Every structure is written in structure tokens, then in C-alpha cells.
């Protein structure tokens, strides 16, 4: 049996912080709910004790405390608010509880502001809209739809699920890219150390003998000398190039061209496309599932798509929809969305279950993203390793060939 610490509230609104024994966390959750409590959070007691200990160390606690509202905090807020509202607590009382349980910081301040706006007579969607950095149009419109239909609790639960799935996809992508980034960083550092510190020591030795050096060694020494004396020119050129590219990408035409090119790059272009399609399908499916009609839902989704090429392609789809020409065929004619996804959308459109089919599309492409990541990394890792081996091997060969030449000369 393991010990779990949990936070919950009673139906009366009283907060409860306690511990419970169970074999698994799922069993602990079930046992808490059997007591008629609304669960807000649960974790192993050991983790909770460590967190509490860190919090008691004021200096460390201040360092670890987020200085701005994080995505994880917004997800937790949505999940907890959904649990409280679904349990029948009035919105004002739910916010009172969440505010009292929140740690001091930006998130607590934001929740207090939302609570005060709701108390002042504003709808929750209006109060959330006052914080656009943390609650985008998708979030606000879904809450507005939940308020209009009287199903705010289930809608918040869907938003929470959507956020968690999106965060999971983002985390999978970041985790998969971590190893190649570390590998590249180590390779660059290793080469720079050899160029700036190792090669100069050999250069002094070679020059003492006054013998002609192999071409490979001469080139290596020249490169090392250039990097040490004029390396700032390369840094300046790279910075200027980055500034130029970023300035170009800030223009609508430049941004559109770059986003279109991202979709057509070898190997990673397919990955970018699948990530965007998974997000597009999950967002649209979530909106439709919460009672938002297709036209306004697609308009909202268009503003949430990061890739401008895909977003702009929806202008024609929206125009065709307004003319009553359907959704799947105009989507296919853009040529930017995978055929499998479009065919699944067509099936959903024909059967009247477009929202559930879009969620299936999102699930399919979440899996496809993971597969594509593994495939891309399987190709990238040996390329990076071989490249590093060739560069370092070339440096070592240039140094050894000169050393062997000097040894023969001395002999």
C-alpha cells in the first residue's frame, strides 16, 4: 500500500487536505470520490512532503516559484474549475475556493481578477477574454458556448482534455528533439575546443622545426588562426543574417513563403504538416463537439493555426462553405492537407459525425507525429554522428600527419 496526499473540497465548499492509503493512484482517486469529495489534486505523499519542504525554505521557494502564469497552471486551473462546476458549486464559490488554494504569485492574482469580474456581473467568458495571453479565442469561445448551452462543466472538462493532449504532443516533440540538440551542441563545443586550444599548441611545435607541413595541416592551422583572430567576423555575419531573415519573416509575404517551405522540406516537412493537422483537427473537433457551428468554428480555428500557409488556405474553404459546397472537397483542393485526413473528414461530413471524426483524425496524426519523429531521428542521429566523426577525424589526421612527418625528418 502507498500513501497519497490529496486536496479536495466538500459539496458544501469546505476545503480538505489529507492523506489516503491505496495500491495505485487510480484507486486512491476512486476512494477519495467515494467519500463525496471533489478532488482537486493528488500525488504520492513523499512528493508532497518534498514540495512542502521546499516551500518552507523561503529563498528556494521564491526561486522555484514561477514568475509568470505558465501553461501548466492554466491547465490545472481549467481542470479544477471543471470539477467544481460539474459538482454543482456556484461559479463565485468555485473561484473563491481556487483562489484560497492557489499559491501566491501571478496565477493567484489572475484568478482573483477573474473572480472579481465575475462578481461584478460579467460572464466567465468575458472575464477570461480580459486575459488574452492565457485564454485565447478558442478557449473563450468554447466557454461562451458552454454558458449559452448551460453545460459549462462538461465544456471546461473538454477544454482541459484538449489542453492536456496538446501539451502531451508538444512535450513529445520537445523530448524527441532534445538528444539531437545536445549532440550538436557537444559536437560544436568539441570542435571549438580543438580549434582554439589544442591546435595552437601543436602549431607552436610545428613552427619550431621550420619544415614544410602537409596541405591538410596548413589548412587546419590557417583556419585555427583565422578563428582566433577574426572569428568575430563570422559571429557578426551570422547575427546580421539572423536579423535579416527575421526582418524578412516579419513581413506577411516572407512569413507565408517560409511557412509554405516548412511544409515541403524533405523529411521534416511531413512532420510539420502532421503536427499542424493534428492540432487543427483536435481544435475544430472540440469546438464542434461543444455546439459551435462549422462556419464560426472554422473561423476561430483559422486564427489558432500557427502555419500561415495552412491558415490562409482556409479562406477559400470558408468561402466555399458559405456557398453551400461542403467542407471536405474545398479542403482537398487546397493541396496542403493530407489525403487521409480529408477522406476521414468527408466520411464524418457524410455521416453527420464530423466532430467525432475530427477527433479520430487528431488521434491518428498524434500517432503519426510520434512515428515521423522516430523516423526522422533514426535518420538524423547517424548523420550527426558521422559528421562529427569526419570533422574530428579530419582535425586529428591533419595533426598526426604533420607529427609523423616531423618524426621521419628527425630520424
Protein backbone atom coordinates (compact mmCIF):
# COMPACT_ATOMS: atom_id res chain seq x y z
CA UNK A 1 0.00 0.00 0.00
CA UNK A 2 1.22 3.50 -0.84
CA UNK A 3 0.34 6.79 0.82
CA UNK A 4 -1.12 9.63 -1.30
CA UNK A 5 -1.68 13.25 -0.31
CA UNK A 6 -4.69 14.97 -1.85
CA UNK A 7 -6.54 18.26 -1.96
CA UNK A 8 -10.30 18.26 -2.35
CA UNK A 9 -13.46 20.15 -1.38
CA UNK A 10 -16.74 19.01 0.10
CA UNK A 11 -20.06 19.71 -1.60
CA UNK A 12 -20.57 22.45 1.00
CA UNK A 13 -17.45 24.21 -0.30
CA UNK A 14 -15.14 23.31 2.62
CA UNK A 15 -11.58 22.54 1.51
CA UNK A 16 -9.93 19.28 2.59
CA UNK A 17 -6.21 18.40 2.63
CA UNK A 18 -5.46 14.87 3.82
CA UNK A 19 -3.73 11.58 3.03
CA UNK A 20 -5.11 8.21 1.96
CA UNK A 21 -3.66 4.72 1.51
CA UNK A 22 -4.12 2.82 -1.75
CA UNK A 23 -2.30 0.41 -4.04
CA UNK A 24 -2.35 2.75 -7.06
CA UNK A 25 -3.10 6.40 -7.68
CA UNK A 26 -6.24 5.43 -9.63
CA UNK A 27 -7.53 3.52 -6.61
CA UNK A 28 -6.73 6.49 -4.36
CA UNK A 29 -8.72 8.80 -6.66
CA UNK A 30 -11.68 6.44 -6.57
CA UNK A 31 -11.58 6.17 -2.77
CA UNK A 32 -11.49 9.96 -2.40
CA UNK A 33 -14.52 10.33 -4.67
CA UNK A 34 -16.40 7.63 -2.76
CA UNK A 35 -16.21 9.93 0.27
CA UNK A 36 -18.25 12.51 -1.63
CA UNK A 37 -15.27 14.82 -2.12
CA UNK A 38 -14.44 16.83 -5.23
CA UNK A 39 -10.81 16.01 -6.00
CA UNK A 40 -8.56 18.90 -7.00
CA UNK A 41 -5.14 17.28 -6.88
CA UNK A 42 -3.38 14.13 -5.72
CA UNK A 43 0.25 12.97 -5.61
CA UNK A 44 2.39 10.46 -3.68
CA UNK A 45 2.87 11.62 -0.10
CA UNK A 46 6.66 11.60 -0.48
CA UNK A 47 6.47 14.06 -3.39
CA UNK A 48 4.04 16.24 -1.46
CA UNK A 49 6.40 16.27 1.56
CA UNK A 50 9.37 17.30 -0.60
CA UNK A 51 7.32 20.07 -2.23
CA UNK A 52 6.19 21.31 1.19
CA UNK A 53 9.76 21.25 2.48
CA UNK A 54 10.96 23.29 -0.48
CA UNK A 55 8.13 25.73 0.04
CA UNK A 56 9.15 26.20 3.68
CA UNK A 57 12.62 27.23 2.55
CA UNK A 58 11.55 30.72 1.59
CA UNK A 59 14.59 31.59 -0.53
CA UNK A 60 14.47 28.37 -2.56
CA UNK A 61 10.70 28.62 -2.78
CA UNK A 62 10.96 32.09 -4.25
CA UNK A 63 13.50 30.90 -6.81
CA UNK A 64 11.36 27.92 -7.86
CA UNK A 65 8.07 29.80 -7.95
CA UNK A 66 7.01 30.77 -11.49
CA UNK A 67 7.31 34.49 -12.22
CA UNK A 68 4.52 34.36 -14.78
CA UNK A 69 1.42 32.30 -15.44
CA UNK A 70 2.51 29.02 -17.01
CA UNK A 71 0.67 26.75 -19.41
CA UNK A 72 0.62 24.01 -16.77
CA UNK A 73 -1.06 26.33 -14.29
CA UNK A 74 -3.78 27.22 -16.80
CA UNK A 75 -4.39 23.52 -17.49
CA UNK A 76 -4.67 22.77 -13.75
CA UNK A 77 -6.98 25.76 -13.27
CA UNK A 78 -9.27 24.57 -16.06
CA UNK A 79 -9.38 21.02 -14.71
CA UNK A 80 -10.12 22.14 -11.14
CA UNK A 81 -12.76 24.65 -12.22
CA UNK A 82 -14.42 21.94 -14.33
CA UNK A 83 -14.55 19.58 -11.33
CA UNK A 84 -16.05 22.22 -9.06
CA UNK A 85 -18.63 23.50 -11.55
CA UNK A 86 -19.63 19.95 -12.55
CA UNK A 87 -20.17 19.17 -8.85
CA UNK A 88 -22.74 21.94 -8.66
CA UNK A 89 -20.79 24.70 -6.92
CA UNK A 90 -21.72 28.23 -7.98
CA UNK A 91 -19.10 29.93 -10.11
CA UNK A 92 -18.39 32.57 -7.48
CA UNK A 93 -17.82 29.95 -4.77
CA UNK A 94 -15.66 27.83 -7.09
CA UNK A 95 -13.38 30.79 -7.74
CA UNK A 96 -13.27 31.58 -4.03
CA UNK A 97 -12.01 28.06 -3.33
CA UNK A 98 -9.48 28.03 -6.16
CA UNK A 99 -8.14 31.43 -5.11
CA UNK A 100 -7.77 30.34 -1.48
CA UNK A 101 -5.92 27.16 -2.51
CA UNK A 102 -3.64 28.89 -5.01
CA UNK A 103 -0.08 29.81 -4.04
CA UNK A 104 0.74 33.48 -4.06
CA UNK A 105 2.01 34.64 -7.41
CA UNK A 106 0.84 35.71 -10.88
CA UNK A 107 -1.67 32.86 -11.17
CA UNK A 108 -3.34 33.75 -7.87
CA UNK A 109 -3.53 37.42 -8.91
CA UNK A 110 -5.12 36.49 -12.24
CA UNK A 111 -7.69 34.20 -10.59
CA UNK A 112 -8.61 36.96 -8.15
CA UNK A 113 -9.10 39.37 -11.05
CA UNK A 114 -11.35 36.88 -12.88
CA UNK A 115 -13.31 36.23 -9.67
CA UNK A 116 -13.84 39.97 -9.10
CA UNK A 117 -15.04 40.46 -12.68
CA UNK A 118 -17.50 37.58 -12.34
CA UNK A 119 -18.73 39.02 -9.05
CA UNK A 120 -19.16 42.35 -10.81
CA UNK A 121 -21.72 40.78 -13.14
CA UNK A 122 -19.59 39.76 -16.12
CA UNK A 123 -19.94 36.35 -17.73
CA UNK A 124 -16.99 33.99 -17.25
CA UNK A 125 -16.15 34.17 -20.97
CA UNK A 126 -15.96 37.98 -20.75
CA UNK A 127 -13.73 37.82 -17.67
CA UNK A 128 -11.41 35.32 -19.36
CA UNK A 129 -11.26 37.47 -22.50
CA UNK A 130 -9.58 40.18 -20.40
CA UNK A 131 -6.50 37.90 -20.22
CA UNK A 132 -5.85 37.07 -23.91
CA UNK A 133 -2.26 35.93 -23.27
CA UNK A 134 -3.52 32.95 -21.28
CA UNK A 135 -7.03 32.37 -22.66
CA UNK A 136 -7.13 32.54 -26.45
CA UNK A 137 -10.15 32.90 -28.72
CA UNK A 138 -10.64 29.14 -28.79
CA UNK A 139 -10.82 28.94 -25.01
CA UNK A 140 -13.11 31.97 -24.65
CA UNK A 141 -15.48 30.90 -27.41
CA UNK A 142 -15.81 27.39 -26.02
CA UNK A 143 -16.62 28.80 -22.57
CA UNK A 144 -19.15 31.15 -24.18
CA UNK A 145 -20.77 28.18 -25.93
CA UNK A 146 -20.89 26.28 -22.62
CA UNK A 147 -22.52 29.23 -20.89
CA UNK A 148 -25.13 29.54 -23.64
CA UNK A 149 -25.99 25.83 -23.54
CA UNK A 150 -25.91 25.53 -19.74
CA UNK A 151 -23.16 22.89 -19.87
CA UNK A 152 -20.17 24.87 -18.59
CA UNK A 153 -18.77 21.97 -16.52
CA UNK A 154 -18.57 19.46 -19.40
CA UNK A 155 -17.21 22.16 -21.71
CA UNK A 156 -14.42 23.02 -19.25
CA UNK A 157 -13.66 19.29 -18.99
CA UNK A 158 -13.31 19.13 -22.79
CA UNK A 159 -11.07 22.19 -22.79
CA UNK A 160 -8.90 20.59 -20.09
CA UNK A 161 -8.64 17.37 -22.07
CA UNK A 162 -7.79 19.33 -25.22
CA UNK A 163 -5.08 21.29 -23.39
CA UNK A 164 -3.57 18.14 -21.90
CA UNK A 165 -3.45 16.37 -25.26
CA UNK A 166 -1.88 19.43 -26.90
CA UNK A 167 0.66 19.70 -24.08
CA UNK A 168 1.45 15.99 -24.43
CA UNK A 169 2.07 16.38 -28.17
CA UNK A 170 4.29 19.41 -27.55
CA UNK A 171 6.19 17.55 -24.84
CA UNK A 172 6.74 14.52 -27.12
CA UNK A 173 8.18 16.76 -29.85
CA UNK A 174 10.47 18.60 -27.43
CA UNK A 175 11.67 15.39 -25.79
CA UNK A 176 12.42 13.79 -29.14
CA UNK A 177 14.47 16.80 -30.26
CA UNK A 178 16.42 17.03 -27.02
CA UNK A 179 19.02 14.35 -27.88
CA UNK A 180 19.93 15.74 -31.35
CA UNK A 181 20.24 19.25 -29.90
CA UNK A 182 22.57 18.01 -27.16
CA UNK A 183 24.57 16.02 -29.71
CA UNK A 184 25.02 19.06 -31.97
CA UNK A 185 25.97 21.26 -29.01
CA UNK A 186 28.58 18.76 -27.80
CA UNK A 187 29.97 18.43 -31.32
CA UNK A 188 30.30 22.19 -31.77
CA UNK A 189 31.94 22.61 -28.36
CA UNK A 190 34.39 19.76 -29.05
CA UNK A 191 35.43 21.24 -32.40
CA UNK A 192 35.79 24.76 -30.97
CA UNK A 193 37.94 23.49 -28.09
CA UNK A 194 40.25 21.75 -30.56
CA UNK A 195 40.42 24.79 -32.85
CA UNK A 196 41.02 27.37 -30.11
CA UNK A 197 43.13 25.43 -27.57
CA UNK A 198 44.54 22.18 -28.96
CA UNK A 199 45.64 23.20 -32.47
CA UNK A 200 47.55 26.36 -31.33
CA UNK A 201 49.77 24.26 -29.04
CA UNK A 202 50.69 21.98 -31.93
CA UNK A 203 51.25 24.99 -34.19
CA UNK A 204 54.00 26.34 -31.94
CA UNK A 205 55.73 22.95 -32.05
CA UNK A 206 55.45 22.66 -35.85
CA UNK A 207 56.86 26.13 -36.48
CA UNK A 208 59.97 25.39 -34.40
CA UNK A 209 61.12 22.74 -36.88
CA UNK A 210 60.74 25.04 -39.89
CA UNK A 211 59.77 22.12 -42.13
CA UNK A 212 57.04 22.34 -44.78
CA UNK A 213 53.80 20.92 -43.43
CA UNK A 214 51.24 18.76 -45.25
CA UNK A 215 48.46 20.76 -47.00
CA UNK A 216 45.83 19.40 -44.58
CA UNK A 217 47.85 20.66 -41.61
CA UNK A 218 48.49 24.05 -43.22
CA UNK A 219 44.77 24.47 -43.89
CA UNK A 220 43.90 23.47 -40.30
CA UNK A 221 46.42 25.93 -38.86
CA UNK A 222 45.15 28.70 -41.14
CA UNK A 223 41.57 28.03 -40.10
CA UNK A 224 42.52 27.99 -36.42
CA UNK A 225 44.40 31.27 -36.79
CA UNK A 226 41.50 32.89 -38.64
CA UNK A 227 39.00 31.72 -36.00
CA UNK A 228 41.18 33.08 -33.18
CA UNK A 229 41.94 36.42 -34.82
CA UNK A 230 38.91 37.14 -36.99
CA UNK A 231 36.26 34.78 -35.65
CA UNK A 232 34.21 37.80 -34.59
CA UNK A 233 33.55 38.47 -38.29
CA UNK A 234 31.76 35.11 -38.57
CA UNK A 235 29.70 35.86 -35.46
CA UNK A 236 28.84 39.30 -36.82
CA UNK A 237 27.86 37.80 -40.17
CA UNK A 238 25.66 35.16 -38.53
CA UNK A 239 23.94 37.80 -36.37
CA UNK A 240 23.39 40.04 -39.41
CA UNK A 241 21.96 37.09 -41.36
CA UNK A 242 19.58 36.20 -38.50
CA UNK A 243 18.42 39.81 -38.22
CA UNK A 244 17.89 39.96 -41.99
CA UNK A 245 15.93 36.70 -42.07
CA UNK A 246 13.79 37.67 -39.07
CA UNK A 247 13.07 41.05 -40.62
CA UNK A 248 12.04 39.35 -43.85
CA UNK A 249 9.85 36.87 -41.98
CA UNK A 250 8.03 39.66 -40.17
CA UNK A 251 6.51 40.72 -43.48
CA UNK A 252 3.33 38.85 -44.50
CA UNK A 253 4.86 37.69 -47.80
CA UNK A 254 8.08 36.48 -46.16
CA UNK A 255 6.26 34.68 -43.37
CA UNK A 256 3.91 32.98 -45.84
CA UNK A 257 6.81 31.87 -48.04
CA UNK A 258 8.73 30.43 -45.07
CA UNK A 259 5.69 28.62 -43.67
CA UNK A 260 4.94 27.12 -47.07
CA UNK A 261 8.55 25.99 -47.40
CA UNK A 262 8.38 24.33 -43.95
CA UNK A 263 5.60 22.08 -45.27
CA UNK A 264 7.64 20.96 -48.30
CA UNK A 265 11.03 20.32 -46.65
CA UNK A 266 12.39 16.78 -47.01
CA UNK A 267 11.61 14.55 -44.01
CA UNK A 268 10.76 17.30 -41.50
CA UNK A 269 8.19 18.96 -43.81
CA UNK A 270 5.91 15.97 -43.41
CA UNK A 271 6.38 16.19 -39.64
CA UNK A 272 5.42 19.88 -39.56
CA UNK A 273 2.32 19.14 -41.63
CA UNK A 274 1.18 16.32 -39.34
CA UNK A 275 1.68 18.41 -36.19
CA UNK A 276 -0.44 21.22 -37.63
CA UNK A 277 -3.13 18.85 -38.93
CA UNK A 278 -3.40 17.10 -35.55
CA UNK A 279 -3.81 20.47 -33.80
CA UNK A 280 -6.27 21.72 -36.43
CA UNK A 281 -8.44 18.60 -36.24
CA UNK A 282 -8.49 18.50 -32.43
CA UNK A 283 -9.32 22.19 -32.15
CA UNK A 284 -12.11 22.08 -34.73
CA UNK A 285 -13.49 18.81 -33.37
CA UNK A 286 -13.56 20.20 -29.82
CA UNK A 287 -15.42 23.32 -30.96
CA UNK A 288 -17.97 21.35 -32.96
CA UNK A 289 -18.46 18.94 -30.06
CA UNK A 290 -19.36 21.87 -27.84
CA UNK A 291 -22.13 23.14 -30.07
CA UNK A 292 -20.29 25.72 -32.16
CA UNK A 293 -21.45 25.53 -35.79
CA UNK A 294 -18.94 24.80 -38.55
CA UNK A 295 -18.56 28.28 -40.06
CA UNK A 296 -17.77 30.20 -36.84
CA UNK A 297 -15.73 27.23 -35.56
CA UNK A 298 -13.57 27.22 -38.70
CA UNK A 299 -13.13 30.99 -38.43
CA UNK A 300 -11.87 30.58 -34.86
CA UNK A 301 -9.57 27.68 -35.80
CA UNK A 302 -8.08 29.71 -38.66
CA UNK A 303 -6.77 32.22 -36.12
CA UNK A 304 -5.24 29.49 -33.93
CA UNK A 305 -3.18 27.79 -36.67
CA UNK A 306 0.49 28.74 -36.42
CA UNK A 307 1.34 27.97 -40.04
CA UNK A 308 0.15 30.90 -42.19
CA UNK A 309 0.07 28.83 -45.38
CA UNK A 310 -2.41 26.38 -43.86
CA UNK A 311 -4.36 29.19 -42.19
CA UNK A 312 -4.67 31.24 -45.38
CA UNK A 313 -5.81 28.18 -47.31
CA UNK A 314 -8.92 28.13 -45.12
CA UNK A 315 -10.10 31.44 -46.62
CA UNK A 316 -11.15 29.62 -49.77
CA UNK A 317 -12.67 26.79 -47.73
CA UNK A 318 -14.74 29.30 -45.75
CA UNK A 319 -15.91 31.00 -48.95
CA UNK A 320 -16.97 27.67 -50.47
CA UNK A 321 -18.73 26.70 -47.23
CA UNK A 322 -20.77 29.90 -47.33
CA UNK A 323 -21.84 28.94 -50.86
CA UNK A 324 -23.00 25.56 -49.53
CA UNK A 325 -20.35 23.48 -51.29
CA UNK A 326 -19.37 21.39 -48.27
CA UNK A 327 -16.19 21.14 -46.26
CA UNK A 328 -14.12 18.12 -47.36
CA UNK A 329 -13.85 18.89 -51.09
CA UNK A 330 -12.61 22.51 -50.68
CA UNK A 331 -10.18 21.23 -48.05
CA UNK A 332 -8.81 18.67 -50.53
CA UNK A 333 -8.45 21.31 -53.25
CA UNK A 334 -6.07 23.37 -51.14
CA UNK A 335 -3.48 20.60 -51.68
CA UNK A 336 -1.97 21.25 -48.26
CA UNK A 337 -3.87 18.76 -46.11
CA UNK A 338 -3.06 15.02 -46.14
CA UNK A 339 -5.47 12.93 -48.25
CA UNK A 340 -6.16 10.51 -45.40
CA UNK A 341 -7.25 13.34 -43.13
CA UNK A 342 -9.51 14.82 -45.80
CA UNK A 343 -11.11 11.46 -46.59
CA UNK A 344 -11.84 10.93 -42.90
CA UNK A 345 -13.38 14.41 -42.77
CA UNK A 346 -15.53 13.52 -45.79
CA UNK A 347 -16.79 10.38 -44.03
CA UNK A 348 -17.62 12.40 -40.93
CA UNK A 349 -19.42 15.00 -43.03
CA UNK A 350 -21.49 12.37 -44.81
CA UNK A 351 -22.45 10.54 -41.61
CA UNK A 352 -23.21 13.69 -39.62
CA UNK A 353 -20.46 12.89 -37.10
CA UNK A 354 -17.87 15.42 -38.18
CA UNK A 355 -16.82 16.31 -34.62
CA UNK A 356 -16.02 12.75 -33.56
CA UNK A 357 -14.30 12.02 -36.88
CA UNK A 358 -12.10 15.09 -36.46
CA UNK A 359 -11.08 13.84 -33.03
CA UNK A 360 -10.15 10.50 -34.64
CA UNK A 361 -8.10 12.39 -37.23
CA UNK A 362 -6.28 14.14 -34.38
CA UNK A 363 -5.61 10.81 -32.64
CA UNK A 364 -4.33 9.26 -35.88
CA UNK A 365 -1.95 12.14 -36.56
CA UNK A 366 -0.74 12.27 -32.97
CA UNK A 367 0.46 8.71 -33.52
CA UNK A 368 1.82 9.67 -36.95
CA UNK A 369 3.79 12.55 -35.40
CA UNK A 370 5.46 10.18 -32.95
CA UNK A 371 6.23 7.75 -35.79
CA UNK A 372 7.61 10.51 -38.01
CA UNK A 373 9.73 11.84 -35.15
CA UNK A 374 11.26 8.42 -34.58
CA UNK A 375 11.88 8.03 -38.31
CA UNK A 376 13.47 11.48 -38.60
CA UNK A 377 15.66 10.89 -35.54
CA UNK A 378 16.66 7.47 -36.81
CA UNK A 379 17.96 9.23 -39.94
CA UNK A 380 19.37 12.28 -38.17
CA UNK A 381 21.38 10.60 -35.44
CA UNK A 382 23.77 8.60 -37.66
CA UNK A 383 24.20 11.62 -39.94
CA UNK A 384 25.18 13.80 -36.98
CA UNK A 385 27.50 11.14 -35.56
CA UNK A 386 29.21 10.52 -38.90
CA UNK A 387 29.58 14.28 -39.49
CA UNK A 388 31.14 14.73 -36.05
CA UNK A 389 33.45 11.77 -36.65
CA UNK A 390 34.57 13.16 -40.02
CA UNK A 391 35.27 16.65 -38.62
CA UNK A 392 37.13 15.48 -35.52
CA UNK A 393 38.87 12.74 -37.52
CA UNK A 394 39.98 15.31 -40.08
CA UNK A 395 41.49 17.51 -37.38
CA UNK A 396 43.29 14.55 -35.81
CA UNK A 397 44.54 13.37 -39.23
CA UNK A 398 45.92 16.83 -40.02
CA UNK A 399 47.82 16.93 -36.72
CA UNK A 400 49.09 13.34 -36.87
CA UNK A 401 50.28 13.61 -40.47
CA UNK A 402 52.43 16.61 -39.51
CA UNK A 403 53.75 14.84 -36.40
CA UNK A 404 54.69 11.76 -38.40
CA UNK A 405 56.42 13.94 -40.97
CA UNK A 406 58.47 15.61 -38.26
CA UNK A 407 59.36 12.23 -36.75
CA UNK A 408 60.66 10.98 -40.11
CA UNK A 409 62.60 14.21 -40.58
CA UNK A 410 64.27 13.87 -37.20
CA UNK A 411 65.06 10.24 -37.89
